[in-house]
């Protein structure tokens, strides 16, 4: 009888240890997956920051150029060069009511002028 009781205690202890080990392994697997997801997110954010950094470096390199300064003066302050004329459209909705009206980019206009010349 004594040996049976000891054997029962040993079996119960082994079961508790095995169950605890399985729970620990399962929890560690979940933590590993969560850390891998976090690592992927951090890598993606790092790539985004590196891209932003590259864009900012290019913008800084352009800031010393006169063309960049002129573009910013035109865009933000409305400056014009001598001899230029500013056209202000007071009712822009009328441009879109007519199907033949077309909004043309400056680069397209320049290309058309060069092709005509």
PDB file of N, CA and C in Angstrom:
ATOM      1  N   UNK A   1       0.806  -1.188   0.000  1.00  0.00           N
ATOM      2  CA  UNK A   1       0.000   0.000   0.000  1.00  0.00           C
ATOM      3  C   UNK A   1       0.855   1.261   0.000  1.00  0.00           C
ATOM      4  N   UNK A   2       1.952   1.213   0.760  1.00  0.00           N
ATOM      5  CA  UNK A   2       2.835   2.361   0.805  1.00  0.00           C
ATOM      6  C   UNK A   2       3.465   2.655  -0.544  1.00  0.00           C
ATOM      7  N   UNK A   3       3.823   1.609  -1.261  1.00  0.00           N
ATOM      8  CA  UNK A   3       4.446   1.799  -2.556  1.00  0.00           C
ATOM      9  C   UNK A   3       3.443   2.384  -3.551  1.00  0.00           C
ATOM     10  N   UNK A   4       2.170   2.001  -3.432  1.00  0.00           N
ATOM     11  CA  UNK A   4       1.159   2.542  -4.315  1.00  0.00           C
ATOM     12  C   UNK A   4       0.938   4.026  -4.067  1.00  0.00           C
ATOM     13  N   UNK A   5       0.928   4.403  -2.823  1.00  0.00           N
ATOM     14  CA  UNK A   5       0.730   5.809  -2.479  1.00  0.00           C
ATOM     15  C   UNK A   5       1.904   6.625  -3.001  1.00  0.00           C
ATOM     16  N   UNK A   6       3.114   6.143  -2.820  1.00  0.00           N
ATOM     17  CA  UNK A   6       4.282   6.862  -3.317  1.00  0.00           C
ATOM     18  C   UNK A   6       4.249   6.949  -4.838  1.00  0.00           C
ATOM     19  N   UNK A   7       3.855   5.852  -5.478  1.00  0.00           N
ATOM     20  CA  UNK A   7       3.769   5.844  -6.929  1.00  0.00           C
ATOM     21  C   UNK A   7       2.708   6.842  -7.401  1.00  0.00           C
ATOM     22  N   UNK A   8       1.588   6.934  -6.689  1.00  0.00           N
ATOM     23  CA  UNK A   8       0.538   7.883  -7.037  1.00  0.00           C
ATOM     24  C   UNK A   8       1.060   9.310  -6.904  1.00  0.00           C
ATOM     25  N   UNK A   9       1.784   9.617  -5.823  1.00  0.00           N
ATOM     26  CA  UNK A   9       2.368  10.951  -5.648  1.00  0.00           C
ATOM     27  C   UNK A   9       3.353  11.268  -6.762  1.00  0.00           C
ATOM     28  N   UNK A  10       4.135  10.294  -7.132  1.00  0.00           N
ATOM     29  CA  UNK A  10       5.112  10.496  -8.201  1.00  0.00           C
ATOM     30  C   UNK A  10       4.400  10.756  -9.526  1.00  0.00           C
ATOM     31  N   UNK A  11       3.339  10.009  -9.821  1.00  0.00           N
ATOM     32  CA  UNK A  11       2.584  10.206 -11.052  1.00  0.00           C
ATOM     33  C   UNK A  11       1.894  11.570 -11.078  1.00  0.00           C
ATOM     34  N   UNK A  12       1.303  11.964  -9.953  1.00  0.00           N
ATOM     35  CA  UNK A  12       0.653  13.276  -9.879  1.00  0.00           C
ATOM     36  C   UNK A  12       1.689  14.383 -10.052  1.00  0.00           C
ATOM     37  N   UNK A  13       2.831  14.255  -9.396  1.00  0.00           N
ATOM     38  CA  UNK A  13       3.890  15.259  -9.517  1.00  0.00           C
ATOM     39  C   UNK A  13       4.398  15.318 -10.951  1.00  0.00           C
ATOM     40  N   UNK A  14       4.566  14.182 -11.600  1.00  0.00           N
ATOM     41  CA  UNK A  14       5.020  14.152 -12.989  1.00  0.00           C
ATOM     42  C   UNK A  14       3.996  14.819 -13.901  1.00  0.00           C
ATOM     43  N   UNK A  15       2.705  14.550 -13.651  1.00  0.00           N
ATOM     44  CA  UNK A  15       1.657  15.168 -14.457  1.00  0.00           C
ATOM     45  C   UNK A  15       1.653  16.682 -14.279  1.00  0.00           C
ATOM     46  N   UNK A  16       1.783  17.153 -13.037  1.00  0.00           N
ATOM     47  CA  UNK A  16       1.800  18.598 -12.770  1.00  0.00           C
ATOM     48  C   UNK A  16       3.005  19.234 -13.449  1.00  0.00           C
ATOM     49  N   UNK A  17       4.164  18.592 -13.367  1.00  0.00           N
ATOM     50  CA  UNK A  17       5.369  19.132 -13.999  1.00  0.00           C
ATOM     51  C   UNK A  17       5.202  19.164 -15.517  1.00  0.00           C
ATOM     52  N   UNK A  18       4.656  18.095 -16.101  1.00  0.00           N
ATOM     53  CA  UNK A  18       4.450  18.039 -17.546  1.00  0.00           C
ATOM     54  C   UNK A  18       3.445  19.096 -17.993  1.00  0.00           C
ATOM     55  N   UNK A  19       2.349  19.241 -17.257  1.00  0.00           N
ATOM     56  CA  UNK A  19       1.334  20.237 -17.611  1.00  0.00           C
ATOM     57  C   UNK A  19       1.909  21.645 -17.505  1.00  0.00           C
ATOM     58  N   UNK A  20       2.651  21.900 -16.444  1.00  0.00           N
ATOM     59  CA  UNK A  20       3.284  23.214 -16.289  1.00  0.00           C
ATOM     60  C   UNK A  20       4.280  23.480 -17.408  1.00  0.00           C
ATOM     61  N   UNK A  21       5.036  22.460 -17.773  1.00  0.00           N
ATOM     62  CA  UNK A  21       5.984  22.612 -18.872  1.00  0.00           C
ATOM     63  C   UNK A  21       5.289  22.901 -20.190  1.00  0.00           C
ATOM     64  N   UNK A  22       4.198  22.215 -20.461  1.00  0.00           N
ATOM     65  CA  UNK A  22       3.453  22.446 -21.697  1.00  0.00           C
ATOM     66  C   UNK A  22       2.860  23.857 -21.727  1.00  0.00           C
ATOM     67  N   UNK A  23       2.324  24.318 -20.602  1.00  0.00           N
ATOM     68  CA  UNK A  23       1.786  25.676 -20.538  1.00  0.00           C
ATOM     69  C   UNK A  23       2.882  26.708 -20.757  1.00  0.00           C
ATOM     70  N   UNK A  24       4.049  26.452 -20.159  1.00  0.00           N
ATOM     71  CA  UNK A  24       5.173  27.378 -20.322  1.00  0.00           C
ATOM     72  C   UNK A  24       5.632  27.419 -21.776  1.00  0.00           C
ATOM     73  N   UNK A  25       5.732  26.251 -22.415  1.00  0.00           N
ATOM     74  CA  UNK A  25       6.153  26.200 -23.814  1.00  0.00           C
ATOM     75  C   UNK A  25       5.144  26.922 -24.707  1.00  0.00           C
ATOM     76  N   UNK A  26       3.856  26.713 -24.451  1.00  0.00           N
ATOM     77  CA  UNK A  26       2.822  27.378 -25.235  1.00  0.00           C
ATOM     78  C   UNK A  26       2.918  28.895 -25.078  1.00  0.00           C
ATOM     79  N   UNK A  27       3.096  29.349 -23.858  1.00  0.00           N
ATOM     80  CA  UNK A  27       3.218  30.787 -23.593  1.00  0.00           C
ATOM     81  C   UNK A  27       4.457  31.365 -24.268  1.00  0.00           C
ATOM     82  N   UNK A  28       5.566  30.640 -24.227  1.00  0.00           N
ATOM     83  CA  UNK A  28       6.784  31.105 -24.885  1.00  0.00           C
ATOM     84  C   UNK A  28       6.598  31.194 -26.395  1.00  0.00           C
ATOM     85  N   UNK A  29       5.883  30.231 -26.980  1.00  0.00           N
ATOM     86  CA  UNK A  29       5.609  30.282 -28.414  1.00  0.00           C
ATOM     87  C   UNK A  29       4.782  31.523 -28.767  1.00  0.00           C
ATOM     88  N   UNK A  30       3.779  31.830 -27.953  1.00  0.00           N
ATOM     89  CA  UNK A  30       2.971  33.028 -28.191  1.00  0.00           C
ATOM     90  C   UNK A  30       3.815  34.292 -28.073  1.00  0.00           C
ATOM     91  N   UNK A  31       4.691  34.336 -27.078  1.00  0.00           N
ATOM     92  CA  UNK A  31       5.561  35.503 -26.903  1.00  0.00           C
ATOM     93  C   UNK A  31       6.519  35.653 -28.083  1.00  0.00           C
ATOM     94  N   UNK A  32       7.023  34.539 -28.587  1.00  0.00           N
ATOM     95  CA  UNK A  32       7.938  34.590 -29.731  1.00  0.00           C
ATOM     96  C   UNK A  32       7.221  35.148 -30.954  1.00  0.00           C
ATOM     97  N   UNK A  33       5.998  34.701 -31.200  1.00  0.00           N
ATOM     98  CA  UNK A  33       5.232  35.199 -32.339  1.00  0.00           C
ATOM     99  C   UNK A  33       4.962  36.696 -32.181  1.00  0.00           C
ATOM    100  N   UNK A  34       4.603  37.122 -30.982  1.00  0.00           N
ATOM    101  CA  UNK A  34       4.345  38.549 -30.737  1.00  0.00           C
ATOM    102  C   UNK A  34       5.611  39.371 -30.959  1.00  0.00           C
ATOM    103  N   UNK A  35       6.740  38.879 -30.503  1.00  0.00           N
ATOM    104  CA  UNK A  35       8.000  39.601 -30.695  1.00  0.00           C
ATOM    105  C   UNK A  35       8.405  39.649 -32.169  1.00  0.00           C
ATOM    106  N   UNK A  36       8.116  38.592 -32.913  1.00  0.00           N
ATOM    107  CA  UNK A  36       8.412  38.608 -34.344  1.00  0.00           C
ATOM    108  C   UNK A  36       7.551  39.644 -35.061  1.00  0.00           C
ATOM    109  N   UNK A  37       6.285  39.737 -34.680  1.00  0.00           N
ATOM    110  CA  UNK A  37       5.416  40.757 -35.270  1.00  0.00           C
ATOM    111  C   UNK A  37       5.921  42.160 -34.948  1.00  0.00           C
ATOM    112  N   UNK A  38       6.310  42.373 -33.711  1.00  0.00           N
ATOM    113  CA  UNK A  38       6.848  43.668 -33.305  1.00  0.00           C
ATOM    114  C   UNK A  38       8.122  43.978 -34.076  1.00  0.00           C
ATOM    115  N   UNK A  39       8.950  42.982 -34.259  1.00  0.00           N
ATOM    116  CA  UNK A  39      10.198  43.171 -35.010  1.00  0.00           C
ATOM    117  C   UNK A  39       9.911  43.571 -36.454  1.00  0.00           C
ATOM    118  N   UNK A  40       8.921  42.931 -37.084  1.00  0.00           N
ATOM    119  CA  UNK A  40       8.549  43.295 -38.463  1.00  0.00           C
ATOM    120  C   UNK A  40       8.051  44.725 -38.530  1.00  0.00           C
ATOM    121  N   UNK A  41       7.235  45.117 -37.554  1.00  0.00           N
ATOM    122  CA  UNK A  41       6.715  46.488 -37.537  1.00  0.00           C
ATOM    123  C   UNK A  41       7.844  47.496 -37.369  1.00  0.00           C
ATOM    124  N   UNK A  42       8.793  47.174 -36.515  1.00  0.00           N
ATOM    125  CA  UNK A  42       9.924  48.080 -36.292  1.00  0.00           C
ATOM    126  C   UNK A  42      10.762  48.193 -37.567  1.00  0.00           C
ATOM    127  N   UNK A  43      10.969  47.073 -38.262  1.00  0.00           N
ATOM    128  CA  UNK A  43      11.726  47.114 -39.519  1.00  0.00           C
ATOM    129  C   UNK A  43      11.009  47.955 -40.567  1.00  0.00           C
ATOM    130  N   UNK A  44       9.683  47.816 -40.657  1.00  0.00           N
ATOM    131  CA  UNK A  44       8.922  48.617 -41.615  1.00  0.00           C
ATOM    132  C   UNK A  44       9.012  50.102 -41.275  1.00  0.00           C
ATOM    133  N   UNK A  45       8.897  50.425 -40.008  1.00  0.00           N
ATOM    134  CA  UNK A  45       9.017  51.826 -39.593  1.00  0.00           C
ATOM    135  C   UNK A  45      10.419  52.359 -39.876  1.00  0.00           C
ATOM    136  N   UNK A  46      11.430  51.515 -39.684  1.00  0.00           N
ATOM    137  CA  UNK A  46      12.803  51.919 -39.972  1.00  0.00           C
ATOM    138  C   UNK A  46      12.962  52.241 -41.456  1.00  0.00           C
ATOM    139  N   UNK A  47      12.380  51.424 -42.328  1.00  0.00           N
ATOM    140  CA  UNK A  47      12.441  51.687 -43.764  1.00  0.00           C
ATOM    141  C   UNK A  47      11.729  52.990 -44.113  1.00  0.00           C
ATOM    142  N   UNK A  48      10.590  53.248 -43.474  1.00  0.00           N
ATOM    143  CA  UNK A  48       9.867  54.492 -43.710  1.00  0.00           C
ATOM    144  C   UNK A  48      10.710  55.694 -43.288  1.00  0.00           C
ATOM    145  N   UNK A  49      11.347  55.601 -42.128  1.00  0.00           N
ATOM    146  CA  UNK A  49      12.167  56.700 -41.626  1.00  0.00           C
ATOM    147  C   UNK A  49      13.373  56.921 -42.535  1.00  0.00           C
ATOM    148  N   UNK A  50      13.978  55.836 -43.017  1.00  0.00           N
ATOM    149  CA  UNK A  50      15.108  55.973 -43.926  1.00  0.00           C
ATOM    150  C   UNK A  50      14.675  56.641 -45.231  1.00  0.00           C
ATOM    151  N   UNK A  51      13.488  56.307 -45.710  1.00  0.00           N
ATOM    152  CA  UNK A  51      12.968  56.935 -46.923  1.00  0.00           C
ATOM    153  C   UNK A  51      12.723  58.430 -46.691  1.00  0.00           C
ATOM    154  N   UNK A  52      12.106  58.760 -45.560  1.00  0.00           N
ATOM    155  CA  UNK A  52      11.877  60.169 -45.227  1.00  0.00           C
ATOM    156  C   UNK A  52      13.198  60.908 -45.106  1.00  0.00           C
ATOM    157  N   UNK A  53      14.192  60.264 -44.503  1.00  0.00           N
ATOM    158  CA  UNK A  53      15.500  60.871 -44.344  1.00  0.00           C
ATOM    159  C   UNK A  53      16.121  61.154 -45.709  1.00  0.00           C
ATOM    160  N   UNK A  54      16.007  60.203 -46.624  1.00  0.00           N
ATOM    161  CA  UNK A  54      16.533  60.383 -47.968  1.00  0.00           C
ATOM    162  C   UNK A  54      15.842  61.543 -48.677  1.00  0.00           C
ATOM    163  N   UNK A  55      14.500  61.602 -48.552  1.00  0.00           N
ATOM    164  CA  UNK A  55      13.745  62.698 -49.171  1.00  0.00           C
ATOM    165  C   UNK A  55      14.167  64.050 -48.594  1.00  0.00           C
ATOM    166  N   UNK A  56      14.365  64.099 -47.292  1.00  0.00           N
ATOM    167  CA  UNK A  56      14.777  65.356 -46.662  1.00  0.00           C
ATOM    168  C   UNK A  56      16.174  65.767 -47.109  1.00  0.00           C
ATOM    169  N   UNK A  57      17.064  64.801 -47.261  1.00  0.00           N
ATOM    170  CA  UNK A  57      18.417  65.124 -47.743  1.00  0.00           C
ATOM    171  C   UNK A  57      18.370  65.685 -49.153  1.00  0.00           C
ATOM    172  N   UNK A  58      17.510  65.110 -50.002  1.00  0.00           N
ATOM    173  CA  UNK A  58      17.377  65.637 -51.354  1.00  0.00           C
ATOM    174  C   UNK A  58      16.804  67.046 -51.337  1.00  0.00           C
ATOM    175  N   UNK A  59      15.823  67.277 -50.471  1.00  0.00           N
ATOM    176  CA  UNK A  59      15.236  68.614 -50.381  1.00  0.00           C
ATOM    177  C   UNK A  59      16.258  69.626 -49.877  1.00  0.00           C
ATOM    178  N   UNK A  60      17.061  69.226 -48.907  1.00  0.00           N
ATOM    179  CA  UNK A  60      18.106  70.125 -48.393  1.00  0.00           C
ATOM    180  C   UNK A  60      19.113  70.434 -49.477  1.00  0.00           C
ATOM    181  N   UNK A  61      19.466  69.437 -50.291  1.00  0.00           N
ATOM    182  CA  UNK A  61      20.414  69.666 -51.382  1.00  0.00           C
ATOM    183  C   UNK A  61      19.840  70.637 -52.406  1.00  0.00           C
ATOM    184  N   UNK A  62      18.529  70.623 -52.609  1.00  0.00           N
ATOM    185  CA  UNK A  62      17.899  71.514 -53.577  1.00  0.00           C
ATOM    186  C   UNK A  62      17.705  72.928 -53.040  1.00  0.00           C
ATOM    187  N   UNK A  63      17.700  73.089 -51.748  1.00  0.00           N
ATOM    188  CA  UNK A  63      17.391  74.397 -51.171  1.00  0.00           C
ATOM    189  C   UNK A  63      18.411  75.461 -51.525  1.00  0.00           C
ATOM    190  N   UNK A  64      19.609  75.073 -51.873  1.00  0.00           N
ATOM    191  CA  UNK A  64      20.627  76.046 -52.237  1.00  0.00           C
ATOM    192  C   UNK A  64      20.494  76.507 -53.691  1.00  0.00           C
ATOM    193  N   UNK A  65      19.688  75.836 -54.473  1.00  0.00           N
ATOM    194  CA  UNK A  65      19.533  76.184 -55.878  1.00  0.00           C
ATOM    195  C   UNK A  65      18.545  77.336 -56.028  1.00  0.00           C
ATOM    196  N   UNK A  66      18.838  78.225 -56.971  1.00  0.00           N
ATOM    197  CA  UNK A  66      17.973  79.379 -57.208  1.00  0.00           C
ATOM    198  C   UNK A  66      16.584  78.962 -57.691  1.00  0.00           C
ATOM    199  N   UNK A  67      16.520  77.922 -58.510  1.00  0.00           N
ATOM    200  CA  UNK A  67      15.217  77.496 -59.029  1.00  0.00           C
ATOM    201  C   UNK A  67      14.293  77.044 -57.898  1.00  0.00           C
ATOM    202  N   UNK A  68      14.850  76.384 -56.901  1.00  0.00           N
ATOM    203  CA  UNK A  68      14.042  75.944 -55.756  1.00  0.00           C
ATOM    204  C   UNK A  68      13.532  77.154 -54.976  1.00  0.00           C
ATOM    205  N   UNK A  69      14.407  78.100 -54.748  1.00  0.00           N
ATOM    206  CA  UNK A  69      14.027  79.302 -54.004  1.00  0.00           C
ATOM    207  C   UNK A  69      12.948  80.067 -54.752  1.00  0.00           C
ATOM    208  N   UNK A  70      13.092  80.159 -56.076  1.00  0.00           N
ATOM    209  CA  UNK A  70      12.080  80.853 -56.873  1.00  0.00           C
ATOM    210  C   UNK A  70      10.736  80.117 -56.816  1.00  0.00           C
ATOM    211  N   UNK A  71      10.772  78.802 -56.887  1.00  0.00           N
ATOM    212  CA  UNK A  71       9.534  78.012 -56.830  1.00  0.00           C
ATOM    213  C   UNK A  71       8.826  78.198 -55.494  1.00  0.00           C
ATOM    214  N   UNK A  72       9.573  78.189 -54.400  1.00  0.00           N
ATOM    215  CA  UNK A  72       8.960  78.379 -53.084  1.00  0.00           C
ATOM    216  C   UNK A  72       8.397  79.792 -52.948  1.00  0.00           C
ATOM    217  N   UNK A  73       9.089  80.803 -53.486  1.00  0.00           N
ATOM    218  CA  UNK A  73       8.591  82.180 -53.436  1.00  0.00           C
ATOM    219  C   UNK A  73       7.294  82.299 -54.228  1.00  0.00           C
ATOM    220  N   UNK A  74       7.226  81.628 -55.370  1.00  0.00           N
ATOM    221  CA  UNK A  74       6.010  81.663 -56.171  1.00  0.00           C
ATOM    222  C   UNK A  74       4.868  80.941 -55.451  1.00  0.00           C
ATOM    223  N   UNK A  75       5.154  79.763 -54.929  1.00  0.00           N
ATOM    224  CA  UNK A  75       4.115  78.927 -54.342  1.00  0.00           C
ATOM    225  C   UNK A  75       3.562  79.519 -53.052  1.00  0.00           C
ATOM    226  N   UNK A  76       4.438  79.926 -52.142  1.00  0.00           N
ATOM    227  CA  UNK A  76       3.978  80.326 -50.808  1.00  0.00           C
ATOM    228  C   UNK A  76       3.724  81.819 -50.663  1.00  0.00           C
ATOM    229  N   UNK A  77       4.413  82.645 -51.453  1.00  0.00           N
ATOM    230  CA  UNK A  77       4.277  84.091 -51.269  1.00  0.00           C
ATOM    231  C   UNK A  77       3.684  84.801 -52.479  1.00  0.00           C
ATOM    232  N   UNK A  78       3.482  84.083 -53.583  1.00  0.00           N
ATOM    233  CA  UNK A  78       2.872  84.678 -54.758  1.00  0.00           C
ATOM    234  C   UNK A  78       3.778  85.631 -55.509  1.00  0.00           C
ATOM    235  N   UNK A  79       5.075  85.504 -55.364  1.00  0.00           N
ATOM    236  CA  UNK A  79       6.002  86.392 -56.065  1.00  0.00           C
ATOM    237  C   UNK A  79       6.007  86.101 -57.556  1.00  0.00           C
ATOM    238  N   UNK A  80       6.283  87.161 -58.340  1.00  0.00           N
ATOM    239  CA  UNK A  80       6.402  87.037 -59.787  1.00  0.00           C
ATOM    240  C   UNK A  80       7.709  87.682 -60.235  1.00  0.00           C
ATOM    241  N   UNK A  81       8.212  87.239 -61.358  1.00  0.00           N
ATOM    242  CA  UNK A  81       9.382  87.868 -61.954  1.00  0.00           C
ATOM    243  C   UNK A  81       8.936  89.110 -62.711  1.00  0.00           C
ATOM    244  N   UNK A  82       9.836  90.060 -62.908  1.00  0.00           N
ATOM    245  CA  UNK A  82       9.458  91.256 -63.685  1.00  0.00           C
ATOM    246  C   UNK A  82       8.970  90.846 -65.073  1.00  0.00           C
ATOM    247  N   UNK A  83       7.861  91.433 -65.490  1.00  0.00           N
ATOM    248  CA  UNK A  83       7.300  91.142 -66.801  1.00  0.00           C
ATOM    249  C   UNK A  83       6.270  90.026 -66.789  1.00  0.00           C
ATOM    250  N   UNK A  84       6.156  89.283 -65.720  1.00  0.00           N
ATOM    251  CA  UNK A  84       5.155  88.213 -65.651  1.00  0.00           C
ATOM    252  C   UNK A  84       3.797  88.801 -65.265  1.00  0.00           C
ATOM    253  N   UNK A  85       2.748  88.141 -65.700  1.00  0.00           N
ATOM    254  CA  UNK A  85       1.389  88.586 -65.407  1.00  0.00           C
ATOM    255  C   UNK A  85       0.690  87.490 -64.618  1.00  0.00           C
ATOM    256  N   UNK A  86       0.017  87.887 -63.559  1.00  0.00           N
ATOM    257  CA  UNK A  86      -0.738  86.928 -62.753  1.00  0.00           C
ATOM    258  C   UNK A  86      -2.190  86.928 -63.224  1.00  0.00           C
ATOM    259  N   UNK A  87      -2.703  85.737 -63.473  1.00  0.00           N
ATOM    260  CA  UNK A  87      -4.097  85.578 -63.820  1.00  0.00           C
ATOM    261  C   UNK A  87      -4.811  84.963 -62.630  1.00  0.00           C
ATOM    262  N   UNK A  88      -5.877  85.602 -62.201  1.00  0.00           N
ATOM    263  CA  UNK A  88      -6.661  85.099 -61.081  1.00  0.00           C
ATOM    264  C   UNK A  88      -8.033  84.713 -61.606  1.00  0.00           C
ATOM    265  N   UNK A  89      -8.394  83.479 -61.428  1.00  0.00           N
ATOM    266  CA  UNK A  89      -9.698  82.996 -61.861  1.00  0.00           C
ATOM    267  C   UNK A  89     -10.660  83.201 -60.695  1.00  0.00           C
ATOM    268  N   UNK A  90     -11.670  84.042 -60.927  1.00  0.00           N
ATOM    269  CA  UNK A  90     -12.589  84.362 -59.840  1.00  0.00           C
ATOM    270  C   UNK A  90     -13.721  83.356 -59.717  1.00  0.00           C
ATOM    271  N   UNK A  91     -14.007  82.618 -60.788  1.00  0.00           N
ATOM    272  CA  UNK A  91     -15.056  81.594 -60.727  1.00  0.00           C
ATOM    273  C   UNK A  91     -14.512  80.300 -61.359  1.00  0.00           C
ATOM    274  N   UNK A  92     -13.702  79.562 -60.617  1.00  0.00           N
ATOM    275  CA  UNK A  92     -13.083  78.364 -61.197  1.00  0.00           C
ATOM    276  C   UNK A  92     -14.094  77.274 -61.538  1.00  0.00           C
ATOM    277  N   UNK A  93     -15.277  77.307 -60.941  1.00  0.00           N
ATOM    278  CA  UNK A  93     -16.262  76.275 -61.267  1.00  0.00           C
ATOM    279  C   UNK A  93     -16.718  76.371 -62.717  1.00  0.00           C
ATOM    280  N   UNK A  94     -16.611  77.559 -63.332  1.00  0.00           N
ATOM    281  CA  UNK A  94     -17.010  77.694 -64.735  1.00  0.00           C
ATOM    282  C   UNK A  94     -16.052  76.952 -65.661  1.00  0.00           C
ATOM    283  N   UNK A  95     -14.845  76.727 -65.224  1.00  0.00           N
ATOM    284  CA  UNK A  95     -13.884  75.990 -66.044  1.00  0.00           C
ATOM    285  C   UNK A  95     -14.292  74.538 -66.216  1.00  0.00           C
ATOM    286  N   UNK A  96     -14.930  73.980 -65.215  1.00  0.00           N
ATOM    287  CA  UNK A  96     -15.250  72.566 -65.227  1.00  0.00           C
ATOM    288  C   UNK A  96     -16.629  72.277 -65.797  1.00  0.00           C
ATOM    289  N   UNK A  97     -17.444  73.317 -66.019  1.00  0.00           N
ATOM    290  CA  UNK A  97     -18.764  73.100 -66.600  1.00  0.00           C
ATOM    291  C   UNK A  97     -18.674  72.824 -68.093  1.00  0.00           C
ATOM    292  N   UNK A  98     -17.644  73.346 -68.731  1.00  0.00           N
ATOM    293  CA  UNK A  98     -17.503  73.194 -70.171  1.00  0.00           C
ATOM    294  C   UNK A  98     -16.653  71.962 -70.466  1.00  0.00           C
ATOM    295  N   UNK A  99     -17.138  71.036 -71.275  1.00  0.00           N
ATOM    296  CA  UNK A  99     -16.381  69.817 -71.540  1.00  0.00           C
ATOM    297  C   UNK A  99     -15.095  70.066 -72.322  1.00  0.00           C
ATOM    298  N   UNK A 100     -15.030  71.156 -73.119  1.00  0.00           N
ATOM    299  CA  UNK A 100     -13.815  71.395 -73.894  1.00  0.00           C
ATOM    300  C   UNK A 100     -12.722  72.082 -73.077  1.00  0.00           C
ATOM    301  N   UNK A 101     -13.050  72.563 -71.883  1.00  0.00           N
ATOM    302  CA  UNK A 101     -12.041  73.193 -71.040  1.00  0.00           C
ATOM    303  C   UNK A 101     -11.100  72.131 -70.502  1.00  0.00           C
ATOM    304  N   UNK A 102      -9.833  72.439 -70.500  1.00  0.00           N
ATOM    305  CA  UNK A 102      -8.830  71.470 -70.060  1.00  0.00           C
ATOM    306  C   UNK A 102      -7.809  72.179 -69.176  1.00  0.00           C
ATOM    307  N   UNK A 103      -7.481  71.579 -68.060  1.00  0.00           N
ATOM    308  CA  UNK A 103      -6.463  72.113 -67.176  1.00  0.00           C
ATOM    309  C   UNK A 103      -5.136  71.543 -67.629  1.00  0.00           C
ATOM    310  N   UNK A 104      -4.177  72.429 -67.940  1.00  0.00           N
ATOM    311  CA  UNK A 104      -2.901  71.997 -68.501  1.00  0.00           C
ATOM    312  C   UNK A 104      -1.793  72.355 -67.534  1.00  0.00           C
ATOM    313  N   UNK A 105      -0.897  71.444 -67.334  1.00  0.00           N
ATOM    314  CA  UNK A 105       0.251  71.638 -66.457  1.00  0.00           C
ATOM    315  C   UNK A 105       1.283  72.531 -67.144  1.00  0.00           C
ATOM    316  N   UNK A 106       2.088  73.267 -66.370  1.00  0.00           N
ATOM    317  CA  UNK A 106       3.126  74.137 -66.926  1.00  0.00           C
ATOM    318  C   UNK A 106       4.114  73.356 -67.778  1.00  0.00           C
ATOM    319  N   UNK A 107       4.473  72.164 -67.343  1.00  0.00           N
ATOM    320  CA  UNK A 107       5.436  71.364 -68.093  1.00  0.00           C
ATOM    321  C   UNK A 107       4.862  70.980 -69.458  1.00  0.00           C
ATOM    322  N   UNK A 108       3.569  70.677 -69.520  1.00  0.00           N
ATOM    323  CA  UNK A 108       2.929  70.340 -70.778  1.00  0.00           C
ATOM    324  C   UNK A 108       2.901  71.546 -71.694  1.00  0.00           C
ATOM    325  N   UNK A 109       2.612  72.740 -71.144  1.00  0.00           N
ATOM    326  CA  UNK A 109       2.621  73.962 -71.924  1.00  0.00           C
ATOM    327  C   UNK A 109       3.992  74.254 -72.500  1.00  0.00           C
ATOM    328  N   UNK A 110       5.029  74.093 -71.694  1.00  0.00           N
ATOM    329  CA  UNK A 110       6.394  74.330 -72.159  1.00  0.00           C
ATOM    330  C   UNK A 110       6.748  73.361 -73.272  1.00  0.00           C
ATOM    331  N   UNK A 111       6.369  72.097 -73.115  1.00  0.00           N
ATOM    332  CA  UNK A 111       6.644  71.090 -74.129  1.00  0.00           C
ATOM    333  C   UNK A 111       5.928  71.440 -75.438  1.00  0.00           C
ATOM    334  N   UNK A 112       4.689  71.896 -75.337  1.00  0.00           N
ATOM    335  CA  UNK A 112       3.931  72.264 -76.528  1.00  0.00           C
ATOM    336  C   UNK A 112       4.571  73.462 -77.217  1.00  0.00           C
ATOM    337  N   UNK A 113       5.061  74.430 -76.447  1.00  0.00           N
ATOM    338  CA  UNK A 113       5.717  75.592 -77.018  1.00  0.00           C
ATOM    339  C   UNK A 113       7.019  75.211 -77.697  1.00  0.00           C
ATOM    340  N   UNK A 114       7.761  74.285 -77.076  1.00  0.00           N
ATOM    341  CA  UNK A 114       9.022  73.836 -77.674  1.00  0.00           C
ATOM    342  C   UNK A 114       8.752  73.061 -78.967  1.00  0.00           C
ATOM    343  N   UNK A 115       7.682  72.255 -78.985  1.00  0.00           N
ATOM    344  CA  UNK A 115       7.338  71.501 -80.180  1.00  0.00           C
ATOM    345  C   UNK A 115       6.906  72.435 -81.319  1.00  0.00           C
ATOM    346  N   UNK A 116       6.222  73.523 -80.958  1.00  0.00           N
ATOM    347  CA  UNK A 116       5.769  74.478 -81.962  1.00  0.00           C
ATOM    348  C   UNK A 116       6.927  75.281 -82.537  1.00  0.00           C
ATOM    349  N   UNK A 117       7.960  75.478 -81.722  1.00  0.00           N
ATOM    350  CA  UNK A 117       9.105  76.307 -82.175  1.00  0.00           C
ATOM    351  C   UNK A 117      10.051  75.552 -83.065  1.00  0.00           C
TER     352      UNK A 117
END
